[in-house]
Amino acid sequence: TGVLRGSFHQLKKLKAIYPEIKLLISVGGWTWSDKFSQMAMTQAGRATFIQSCIDIYIKGQFSSTLSSPGLFDGIDIDWEYPVGGGLYPGRAVDKRNYTLLMKAFRAKLDTLEKLTGRNYLLTIAAPAGYNKLPNLEIDKLAATLDFINLMTYDLHGGWSETTGHNAPLFR
């Protein structure tokens, strides 16, 4: 207890060698997006989630006996996918709630920046598929985020008539 191990330990060693490197943790993903819709439904849910992410990953409070602040320089949210199209069903209100979540997250990080003097990045993994983009308020999200990582594997796949960038050759 009390010692950072595994991948996080290796990241800490890397950061010691290259202190200018920016490390972000991605929260969510294809199999871990099942609770996003419910969490984002209320201001209280969003606030609890944001504070948990900041406490654990930005402040480095991994447990009561393990603290390693400064390892991560930001958070990447990988909600696959607001409204629907992912492994888990969503709701129409996810579109607006996702924007509210990111705005609240940015505000909380901005407040923390004023206290610490550090810059914290906020990013998302965003769909690139034509059928998922309408489920995001891209203009409002872009104004809140430091950058957007496009999941280009959404461009082509088994549903496509032809192959393309980062796509399988055959159905």
N, C-alpha and C. Protein backbone atom coordinates (compact mmCIF):
# COMPACT_ATOMS: atom_id res chain seq x y z
N THR A 1 0.83 -1.19 0.00
CA THR A 1 0.00 0.00 0.00
C THR A 1 0.87 1.25 0.00
N GLY A 2 0.35 2.32 -0.55
CA GLY A 2 1.06 3.58 -0.54
C GLY A 2 2.09 3.75 -1.64
N VAL A 3 2.22 2.76 -2.52
CA VAL A 3 3.21 2.83 -3.58
C VAL A 3 2.50 2.70 -4.93
N LEU A 4 2.78 3.63 -5.81
CA LEU A 4 2.20 3.58 -7.16
C LEU A 4 2.85 2.44 -7.93
N ARG A 5 2.04 1.59 -8.53
CA ARG A 5 2.56 0.41 -9.23
C ARG A 5 2.01 0.33 -10.65
N GLY A 6 2.48 -0.63 -11.40
CA GLY A 6 1.95 -0.93 -12.73
C GLY A 6 2.11 0.20 -13.74
N SER A 7 1.10 0.33 -14.59
CA SER A 7 1.14 1.32 -15.67
C SER A 7 1.28 2.74 -15.14
N PHE A 8 0.58 3.05 -14.07
CA PHE A 8 0.65 4.41 -13.52
C PHE A 8 2.07 4.71 -13.02
N HIS A 9 2.72 3.70 -12.43
CA HIS A 9 4.11 3.88 -11.99
C HIS A 9 5.01 4.14 -13.19
N GLN A 10 4.79 3.39 -14.26
CA GLN A 10 5.59 3.58 -15.47
C GLN A 10 5.36 4.97 -16.07
N LEU A 11 4.12 5.44 -16.02
CA LEU A 11 3.83 6.79 -16.51
C LEU A 11 4.53 7.85 -15.66
N LYS A 12 4.57 7.63 -14.36
CA LYS A 12 5.26 8.56 -13.47
C LYS A 12 6.75 8.61 -13.79
N LYS A 13 7.35 7.45 -14.06
CA LYS A 13 8.76 7.40 -14.43
C LYS A 13 8.99 8.11 -15.76
N LEU A 14 8.08 7.93 -16.71
CA LEU A 14 8.19 8.60 -18.00
C LEU A 14 8.12 10.12 -17.83
N LYS A 15 7.20 10.56 -16.97
CA LYS A 15 7.04 11.99 -16.73
C LYS A 15 8.27 12.58 -16.04
N ALA A 16 8.95 11.79 -15.22
CA ALA A 16 10.18 12.26 -14.58
C ALA A 16 11.28 12.50 -15.62
N ILE A 17 11.30 11.67 -16.65
CA ILE A 17 12.29 11.82 -17.72
C ILE A 17 11.91 12.96 -18.66
N TYR A 18 10.61 13.07 -18.96
CA TYR A 18 10.09 14.08 -19.89
C TYR A 18 9.02 14.91 -19.18
N PRO A 19 9.42 15.86 -18.34
CA PRO A 19 8.44 16.61 -17.54
C PRO A 19 7.46 17.44 -18.37
N GLU A 20 7.78 17.71 -19.63
CA GLU A 20 6.88 18.50 -20.48
C GLU A 20 5.76 17.67 -21.10
N ILE A 21 5.85 16.37 -20.97
CA ILE A 21 4.82 15.50 -21.55
C ILE A 21 3.48 15.74 -20.86
N LYS A 22 2.42 15.65 -21.62
CA LYS A 22 1.07 15.81 -21.07
C LYS A 22 0.39 14.45 -21.08
N LEU A 23 -0.04 14.01 -19.92
CA LEU A 23 -0.72 12.72 -19.79
C LEU A 23 -2.18 12.96 -19.44
N LEU A 24 -3.05 12.29 -20.19
CA LEU A 24 -4.48 12.35 -19.92
C LEU A 24 -4.98 10.94 -19.67
N ILE A 25 -5.98 10.83 -18.84
CA ILE A 25 -6.64 9.55 -18.62
C ILE A 25 -7.97 9.59 -19.37
N SER A 26 -8.28 8.52 -20.07
CA SER A 26 -9.55 8.44 -20.78
C SER A 26 -10.53 7.64 -19.94
N VAL A 27 -11.71 8.21 -19.72
CA VAL A 27 -12.74 7.60 -18.90
C VAL A 27 -13.90 7.21 -19.80
N GLY A 28 -14.31 5.97 -19.73
CA GLY A 28 -15.43 5.49 -20.53
C GLY A 28 -14.98 4.41 -21.49
N GLY A 29 -15.36 4.57 -22.75
CA GLY A 29 -15.03 3.59 -23.77
C GLY A 29 -16.23 2.73 -24.12
N TRP A 30 -16.04 1.86 -25.08
CA TRP A 30 -17.12 1.03 -25.59
C TRP A 30 -17.81 0.23 -24.49
N THR A 31 -17.04 -0.42 -23.63
CA THR A 31 -17.63 -1.28 -22.61
C THR A 31 -17.85 -0.59 -21.27
N TRP A 32 -17.42 0.66 -21.13
CA TRP A 32 -17.55 1.36 -19.85
C TRP A 32 -18.40 2.62 -19.96
N SER A 33 -19.27 2.68 -20.95
CA SER A 33 -20.12 3.86 -21.15
C SER A 33 -21.55 3.65 -20.66
N ASP A 34 -21.80 2.56 -19.97
CA ASP A 34 -23.18 2.22 -19.61
C ASP A 34 -23.81 3.16 -18.58
N LYS A 35 -23.02 3.85 -17.79
CA LYS A 35 -23.58 4.72 -16.75
C LYS A 35 -23.61 6.20 -17.12
N PHE A 36 -23.03 6.57 -18.25
CA PHE A 36 -22.95 7.99 -18.62
C PHE A 36 -24.32 8.66 -18.74
N SER A 37 -25.25 8.03 -19.42
CA SER A 37 -26.55 8.65 -19.64
C SER A 37 -27.26 8.95 -18.33
N GLN A 38 -27.24 7.99 -17.41
CA GLN A 38 -27.88 8.19 -16.10
C GLN A 38 -27.15 9.26 -15.30
N MET A 39 -25.83 9.22 -15.28
CA MET A 39 -25.05 10.19 -14.52
C MET A 39 -25.28 11.61 -15.02
N ALA A 40 -25.33 11.79 -16.32
CA ALA A 40 -25.44 13.13 -16.92
C ALA A 40 -26.85 13.72 -16.82
N MET A 41 -27.81 12.93 -16.38
CA MET A 41 -29.21 13.39 -16.32
C MET A 41 -29.43 14.53 -15.33
N THR A 42 -28.63 14.59 -14.26
CA THR A 42 -28.86 15.60 -13.23
C THR A 42 -27.59 16.38 -12.94
N GLN A 43 -27.78 17.59 -12.44
CA GLN A 43 -26.64 18.41 -12.04
C GLN A 43 -25.84 17.72 -10.94
N ALA A 44 -26.54 17.08 -10.01
CA ALA A 44 -25.87 16.38 -8.91
C ALA A 44 -25.04 15.20 -9.43
N GLY A 45 -25.59 14.46 -10.38
CA GLY A 45 -24.85 13.34 -10.97
C GLY A 45 -23.60 13.82 -11.68
N ARG A 46 -23.74 14.88 -12.45
CA ARG A 46 -22.59 15.44 -13.16
C ARG A 46 -21.54 15.93 -12.18
N ALA A 47 -21.96 16.63 -11.14
CA ALA A 47 -21.02 17.18 -10.15
C ALA A 47 -20.26 16.07 -9.44
N THR A 48 -20.95 15.01 -9.06
CA THR A 48 -20.31 13.89 -8.37
C THR A 48 -19.27 13.22 -9.27
N PHE A 49 -19.65 12.99 -10.52
CA PHE A 49 -18.73 12.36 -11.48
C PHE A 49 -17.49 13.23 -11.69
N ILE A 50 -17.70 14.51 -11.92
CA ILE A 50 -16.59 15.43 -12.17
C ILE A 50 -15.66 15.48 -10.97
N GLN A 51 -16.22 15.61 -9.78
CA GLN A 51 -15.39 15.68 -8.58
C GLN A 51 -14.62 14.39 -8.37
N SER A 52 -15.24 13.26 -8.66
CA SER A 52 -14.56 11.97 -8.54
C SER A 52 -13.37 11.90 -9.49
N CYS A 53 -13.58 12.30 -10.74
CA CYS A 53 -12.48 12.29 -11.72
C CYS A 53 -11.34 13.20 -11.29
N ILE A 54 -11.68 14.38 -10.80
CA ILE A 54 -10.65 15.33 -10.36
C ILE A 54 -9.91 14.79 -9.14
N ASP A 55 -10.64 14.28 -8.17
CA ASP A 55 -10.00 13.76 -6.96
C ASP A 55 -9.06 12.61 -7.28
N ILE A 56 -9.55 11.66 -8.07
CA ILE A 56 -8.75 10.47 -8.35
C ILE A 56 -7.61 10.76 -9.32
N TYR A 57 -7.92 11.34 -10.47
CA TYR A 57 -6.93 11.43 -11.54
C TYR A 57 -6.11 12.72 -11.56
N ILE A 58 -6.71 13.83 -11.21
CA ILE A 58 -5.96 15.09 -11.23
C ILE A 58 -5.24 15.30 -9.90
N LYS A 59 -5.96 15.13 -8.80
CA LYS A 59 -5.33 15.27 -7.48
C LYS A 59 -4.56 14.02 -7.08
N GLY A 60 -4.80 12.91 -7.78
CA GLY A 60 -4.06 11.69 -7.53
C GLY A 60 -4.41 10.98 -6.24
N GLN A 61 -5.63 11.15 -5.76
CA GLN A 61 -6.06 10.48 -4.53
C GLN A 61 -6.62 9.11 -4.88
N PHE A 62 -5.72 8.19 -5.18
CA PHE A 62 -6.13 6.87 -5.66
C PHE A 62 -6.77 6.02 -4.57
N SER A 63 -6.36 6.22 -3.33
CA SER A 63 -6.97 5.53 -2.19
C SER A 63 -6.58 6.30 -0.93
N SER A 64 -7.06 5.83 0.21
CA SER A 64 -6.73 6.51 1.47
C SER A 64 -5.25 6.39 1.81
N THR A 65 -4.58 5.41 1.22
CA THR A 65 -3.15 5.22 1.51
C THR A 65 -2.25 5.50 0.32
N LEU A 66 -2.83 5.94 -0.79
CA LEU A 66 -2.02 6.17 -1.99
C LEU A 66 -2.41 7.49 -2.65
N SER A 67 -1.47 8.41 -2.67
CA SER A 67 -1.68 9.71 -3.30
C SER A 67 -0.50 9.99 -4.22
N SER A 68 -0.80 10.37 -5.45
CA SER A 68 0.24 10.70 -6.41
C SER A 68 -0.24 11.85 -7.29
N PRO A 69 -0.28 13.06 -6.73
CA PRO A 69 -0.77 14.20 -7.51
C PRO A 69 0.18 14.54 -8.65
N GLY A 70 -0.40 15.12 -9.70
CA GLY A 70 0.41 15.60 -10.81
C GLY A 70 0.71 14.59 -11.89
N LEU A 71 0.23 13.38 -11.74
CA LEU A 71 0.50 12.38 -12.77
C LEU A 71 -0.25 12.72 -14.06
N PHE A 72 -1.54 13.02 -13.93
CA PHE A 72 -2.35 13.31 -15.12
C PHE A 72 -2.57 14.82 -15.26
N ASP A 73 -2.52 15.26 -16.50
CA ASP A 73 -2.68 16.68 -16.83
C ASP A 73 -4.06 16.98 -17.39
N GLY A 74 -4.91 15.99 -17.41
CA GLY A 74 -6.25 16.22 -17.93
C GLY A 74 -7.05 14.95 -18.03
N ILE A 75 -8.28 15.14 -18.49
CA ILE A 75 -9.25 14.05 -18.60
C ILE A 75 -9.80 14.02 -20.02
N ASP A 76 -9.92 12.81 -20.55
CA ASP A 76 -10.57 12.59 -21.84
C ASP A 76 -11.83 11.77 -21.56
N ILE A 77 -12.97 12.28 -22.01
CA ILE A 77 -14.23 11.56 -21.82
C ILE A 77 -14.56 10.81 -23.11
N ASP A 78 -14.77 9.51 -22.98
CA ASP A 78 -15.05 8.64 -24.13
C ASP A 78 -16.42 7.99 -23.94
N TRP A 79 -17.46 8.78 -24.14
CA TRP A 79 -18.85 8.31 -24.01
C TRP A 79 -19.27 7.75 -25.36
N GLU A 80 -19.40 6.44 -25.44
CA GLU A 80 -19.79 5.77 -26.69
C GLU A 80 -21.18 5.16 -26.51
N TYR A 81 -22.20 5.84 -26.94
CA TYR A 81 -22.33 7.16 -27.53
C TYR A 81 -23.53 7.86 -26.93
N PRO A 82 -23.46 9.20 -26.77
CA PRO A 82 -24.66 9.92 -26.33
C PRO A 82 -25.82 9.68 -27.29
N VAL A 83 -27.00 9.57 -26.79
CA VAL A 83 -28.25 9.33 -27.50
C VAL A 83 -28.37 7.89 -27.95
N GLY A 84 -27.34 7.31 -28.51
CA GLY A 84 -27.42 5.91 -28.93
C GLY A 84 -26.38 5.56 -29.97
N GLY A 85 -26.37 4.29 -30.34
CA GLY A 85 -25.45 3.81 -31.36
C GLY A 85 -24.28 3.04 -30.79
N GLY A 86 -24.24 2.92 -29.48
CA GLY A 86 -23.16 2.18 -28.85
C GLY A 86 -23.65 0.86 -28.28
N LEU A 87 -22.88 0.32 -27.38
CA LEU A 87 -23.22 -0.94 -26.75
C LEU A 87 -24.43 -0.81 -25.84
N TYR A 88 -24.64 0.41 -25.29
CA TYR A 88 -25.73 0.65 -24.36
C TYR A 88 -26.70 1.68 -24.92
N PRO A 89 -27.98 1.54 -24.64
CA PRO A 89 -28.95 2.52 -25.13
C PRO A 89 -28.77 3.86 -24.44
N GLY A 90 -29.14 4.90 -25.14
CA GLY A 90 -29.07 6.24 -24.58
C GLY A 90 -30.45 6.88 -24.60
N ARG A 91 -30.47 8.18 -24.37
CA ARG A 91 -31.71 8.95 -24.36
C ARG A 91 -31.51 10.17 -25.25
N ALA A 92 -32.60 10.70 -25.77
CA ALA A 92 -32.52 11.91 -26.60
C ALA A 92 -31.90 13.07 -25.83
N VAL A 93 -32.15 13.14 -24.52
CA VAL A 93 -31.62 14.24 -23.70
C VAL A 93 -30.10 14.15 -23.50
N ASP A 94 -29.49 13.03 -23.88
CA ASP A 94 -28.04 12.90 -23.76
C ASP A 94 -27.31 13.99 -24.53
N LYS A 95 -27.87 14.39 -25.66
CA LYS A 95 -27.23 15.40 -26.50
C LYS A 95 -26.96 16.67 -25.69
N ARG A 96 -27.97 17.18 -25.03
CA ARG A 96 -27.83 18.40 -24.22
C ARG A 96 -27.06 18.11 -22.93
N ASN A 97 -27.32 16.98 -22.32
CA ASN A 97 -26.66 16.65 -21.06
C ASN A 97 -25.15 16.47 -21.21
N TYR A 98 -24.73 15.97 -22.36
CA TYR A 98 -23.30 15.82 -22.63
C TYR A 98 -22.63 17.19 -22.66
N THR A 99 -23.27 18.14 -23.31
CA THR A 99 -22.74 19.50 -23.34
C THR A 99 -22.70 20.09 -21.93
N LEU A 100 -23.75 19.89 -21.17
CA LEU A 100 -23.77 20.39 -19.78
C LEU A 100 -22.66 19.75 -18.95
N LEU A 101 -22.43 18.47 -19.15
CA LEU A 101 -21.37 17.77 -18.44
C LEU A 101 -20.01 18.38 -18.76
N MET A 102 -19.75 18.60 -20.03
CA MET A 102 -18.45 19.13 -20.43
C MET A 102 -18.27 20.58 -19.97
N LYS A 103 -19.33 21.38 -20.01
CA LYS A 103 -19.24 22.76 -19.51
C LYS A 103 -18.94 22.79 -18.02
N ALA A 104 -19.62 21.94 -17.27
CA ALA A 104 -19.40 21.87 -15.82
C ALA A 104 -17.99 21.36 -15.52
N PHE A 105 -17.53 20.40 -16.31
CA PHE A 105 -16.18 19.86 -16.13
C PHE A 105 -15.15 20.95 -16.38
N ARG A 106 -15.33 21.69 -17.47
CA ARG A 106 -14.40 22.77 -17.80
C ARG A 106 -14.37 23.82 -16.70
N ALA A 107 -15.54 24.19 -16.18
CA ALA A 107 -15.61 25.19 -15.12
C ALA A 107 -14.86 24.72 -13.87
N LYS A 108 -15.02 23.45 -13.54
CA LYS A 108 -14.34 22.90 -12.36
C LYS A 108 -12.83 22.87 -12.56
N LEU A 109 -12.39 22.50 -13.75
CA LEU A 109 -10.96 22.49 -14.04
C LEU A 109 -10.40 23.91 -14.07
N ASP A 110 -11.16 24.87 -14.59
CA ASP A 110 -10.72 26.27 -14.60
C ASP A 110 -10.52 26.78 -13.18
N THR A 111 -11.42 26.43 -12.29
CA THR A 111 -11.30 26.82 -10.88
C THR A 111 -10.04 26.21 -10.27
N LEU A 112 -9.80 24.95 -10.56
CA LEU A 112 -8.62 24.27 -10.04
C LEU A 112 -7.35 24.89 -10.60
N GLU A 113 -7.38 25.30 -11.87
CA GLU A 113 -6.22 25.95 -12.49
C GLU A 113 -5.84 27.23 -11.74
N LYS A 114 -6.84 27.98 -11.31
CA LYS A 114 -6.57 29.22 -10.57
C LYS A 114 -5.92 28.93 -9.23
N LEU A 115 -6.26 27.81 -8.62
CA LEU A 115 -5.69 27.45 -7.32
C LEU A 115 -4.28 26.88 -7.44
N THR A 116 -4.02 26.13 -8.51
CA THR A 116 -2.75 25.42 -8.63
C THR A 116 -1.76 26.09 -9.57
N GLY A 117 -2.26 26.93 -10.48
CA GLY A 117 -1.39 27.53 -11.49
C GLY A 117 -1.05 26.59 -12.63
N ARG A 118 -1.66 25.42 -12.64
CA ARG A 118 -1.43 24.44 -13.72
C ARG A 118 -2.56 24.52 -14.73
N ASN A 119 -2.27 24.10 -15.96
CA ASN A 119 -3.28 24.02 -17.01
C ASN A 119 -3.74 22.58 -17.11
N TYR A 120 -5.05 22.37 -17.06
CA TYR A 120 -5.61 21.01 -17.16
C TYR A 120 -6.40 20.89 -18.45
N LEU A 121 -6.12 19.84 -19.19
CA LEU A 121 -6.77 19.60 -20.47
C LEU A 121 -8.07 18.84 -20.29
N LEU A 122 -9.04 19.19 -21.13
CA LEU A 122 -10.31 18.47 -21.18
C LEU A 122 -10.56 18.14 -22.63
N THR A 123 -10.69 16.85 -22.93
CA THR A 123 -10.89 16.40 -24.30
C THR A 123 -11.98 15.34 -24.34
N ILE A 124 -12.43 15.03 -25.54
CA ILE A 124 -13.36 13.92 -25.72
C ILE A 124 -12.90 13.05 -26.88
N ALA A 125 -13.30 11.80 -26.83
CA ALA A 125 -13.21 10.92 -27.99
C ALA A 125 -14.57 11.03 -28.66
N ALA A 126 -14.60 11.58 -29.86
CA ALA A 126 -15.87 11.87 -30.53
C ALA A 126 -16.08 10.96 -31.72
N PRO A 127 -17.33 10.59 -31.94
CA PRO A 127 -17.63 9.76 -33.11
C PRO A 127 -17.38 10.54 -34.40
N ALA A 128 -17.03 9.81 -35.43
CA ALA A 128 -16.87 10.41 -36.76
C ALA A 128 -17.97 9.92 -37.70
N GLY A 129 -18.75 8.97 -37.25
CA GLY A 129 -19.80 8.40 -38.09
C GLY A 129 -20.92 9.38 -38.36
N TYR A 130 -21.38 9.41 -39.59
CA TYR A 130 -22.44 10.33 -40.01
C TYR A 130 -23.72 10.14 -39.19
N ASN A 131 -23.94 8.95 -38.68
CA ASN A 131 -25.17 8.68 -37.93
C ASN A 131 -25.05 9.05 -36.44
N LYS A 132 -23.86 9.35 -35.98
CA LYS A 132 -23.66 9.69 -34.56
C LYS A 132 -23.38 11.17 -34.34
N LEU A 133 -22.81 11.83 -35.31
CA LEU A 133 -22.49 13.25 -35.16
C LEU A 133 -23.69 14.13 -34.83
N PRO A 134 -24.86 13.87 -35.41
CA PRO A 134 -26.02 14.71 -35.05
C PRO A 134 -26.42 14.61 -33.58
N ASN A 135 -25.88 13.64 -32.87
CA ASN A 135 -26.22 13.46 -31.45
C ASN A 135 -25.33 14.30 -30.52
N LEU A 136 -24.49 15.14 -31.10
CA LEU A 136 -23.60 16.00 -30.32
C LEU A 136 -23.82 17.46 -30.71
N GLU A 137 -23.67 18.34 -29.73
CA GLU A 137 -23.68 19.79 -29.99
C GLU A 137 -22.23 20.21 -30.21
N ILE A 138 -21.71 19.87 -31.40
CA ILE A 138 -20.29 20.03 -31.69
C ILE A 138 -19.81 21.45 -31.46
N ASP A 139 -20.57 22.45 -31.91
CA ASP A 139 -20.13 23.84 -31.74
C ASP A 139 -19.98 24.21 -30.27
N LYS A 140 -20.90 23.79 -29.46
CA LYS A 140 -20.84 24.10 -28.02
C LYS A 140 -19.75 23.28 -27.33
N LEU A 141 -19.59 22.04 -27.73
CA LEU A 141 -18.53 21.22 -27.16
C LEU A 141 -17.15 21.77 -27.51
N ALA A 142 -16.98 22.16 -28.76
CA ALA A 142 -15.69 22.67 -29.22
C ALA A 142 -15.27 23.91 -28.45
N ALA A 143 -16.23 24.72 -28.05
CA ALA A 143 -15.93 25.94 -27.29
C ALA A 143 -15.47 25.62 -25.87
N THR A 144 -15.75 24.42 -25.39
CA THR A 144 -15.45 24.01 -24.02
C THR A 144 -14.19 23.17 -23.93
N LEU A 145 -13.86 22.46 -24.99
CA LEU A 145 -12.79 21.47 -24.96
C LEU A 145 -11.47 22.02 -25.48
N ASP A 146 -10.38 21.39 -25.04
CA ASP A 146 -9.06 21.75 -25.56
C ASP A 146 -8.84 21.15 -26.94
N PHE A 147 -9.31 19.94 -27.13
CA PHE A 147 -9.32 19.33 -28.46
C PHE A 147 -10.25 18.13 -28.46
N ILE A 148 -10.55 17.67 -29.67
CA ILE A 148 -11.45 16.54 -29.88
C ILE A 148 -10.69 15.45 -30.62
N ASN A 149 -10.69 14.25 -30.07
CA ASN A 149 -10.08 13.09 -30.72
C ASN A 149 -11.16 12.38 -31.52
N LEU A 150 -11.04 12.37 -32.82
CA LEU A 150 -12.04 11.70 -33.66
C LEU A 150 -11.78 10.21 -33.72
N MET A 151 -12.81 9.43 -33.48
CA MET A 151 -12.73 7.98 -33.60
C MET A 151 -12.94 7.63 -35.07
N THR A 152 -11.86 7.71 -35.83
CA THR A 152 -11.96 7.55 -37.28
C THR A 152 -12.37 6.15 -37.70
N TYR A 153 -12.29 5.19 -36.80
CA TYR A 153 -12.76 3.86 -37.15
C TYR A 153 -14.27 3.84 -37.36
N ASP A 154 -14.95 4.93 -37.01
CA ASP A 154 -16.39 5.05 -37.28
C ASP A 154 -16.69 5.39 -38.74
N LEU A 155 -15.67 5.77 -39.49
CA LEU A 155 -15.90 6.19 -40.86
C LEU A 155 -16.27 5.03 -41.78
N HIS A 156 -15.63 3.90 -41.57
CA HIS A 156 -15.87 2.72 -42.41
C HIS A 156 -15.88 1.48 -41.53
N GLY A 157 -16.58 0.48 -41.97
CA GLY A 157 -16.61 -0.77 -41.23
C GLY A 157 -17.46 -1.78 -41.96
N GLY A 158 -17.92 -2.77 -41.23
CA GLY A 158 -18.72 -3.83 -41.82
C GLY A 158 -20.01 -3.34 -42.44
N TRP A 159 -20.47 -2.16 -42.08
CA TRP A 159 -21.70 -1.57 -42.61
C TRP A 159 -21.46 -0.85 -43.94
N SER A 160 -20.18 -0.64 -44.30
CA SER A 160 -19.85 0.14 -45.50
C SER A 160 -19.95 -0.71 -46.77
N GLU A 161 -20.26 -0.06 -47.87
CA GLU A 161 -20.27 -0.74 -49.16
C GLU A 161 -18.86 -0.90 -49.71
N THR A 162 -17.97 -0.01 -49.32
CA THR A 162 -16.58 -0.07 -49.76
C THR A 162 -15.67 0.06 -48.55
N THR A 163 -14.42 -0.30 -48.75
CA THR A 163 -13.45 -0.13 -47.68
C THR A 163 -12.91 1.29 -47.72
N GLY A 164 -12.27 1.68 -46.66
CA GLY A 164 -11.68 3.01 -46.60
C GLY A 164 -10.62 3.04 -45.52
N HIS A 165 -10.22 4.24 -45.14
CA HIS A 165 -9.22 4.42 -44.10
C HIS A 165 -9.61 3.65 -42.84
N ASN A 166 -8.68 2.87 -42.32
CA ASN A 166 -8.87 2.16 -41.06
C ASN A 166 -10.12 1.27 -41.10
N ALA A 167 -10.28 0.58 -42.22
CA ALA A 167 -11.47 -0.25 -42.39
C ALA A 167 -11.07 -1.67 -42.78
N PRO A 168 -11.90 -2.64 -42.45
CA PRO A 168 -11.63 -4.01 -42.89
C PRO A 168 -11.75 -4.14 -44.40
N LEU A 169 -11.01 -5.06 -44.96
CA LEU A 169 -11.06 -5.25 -46.41
C LEU A 169 -12.34 -5.95 -46.85
N PHE A 170 -12.88 -6.79 -46.00
CA PHE A 170 -14.07 -7.55 -46.35
C PHE A 170 -15.06 -7.48 -45.21
N ARG A 171 -16.36 -7.70 -45.53
CA ARG A 171 -17.38 -7.72 -44.49
C ARG A 171 -17.12 -8.84 -43.52
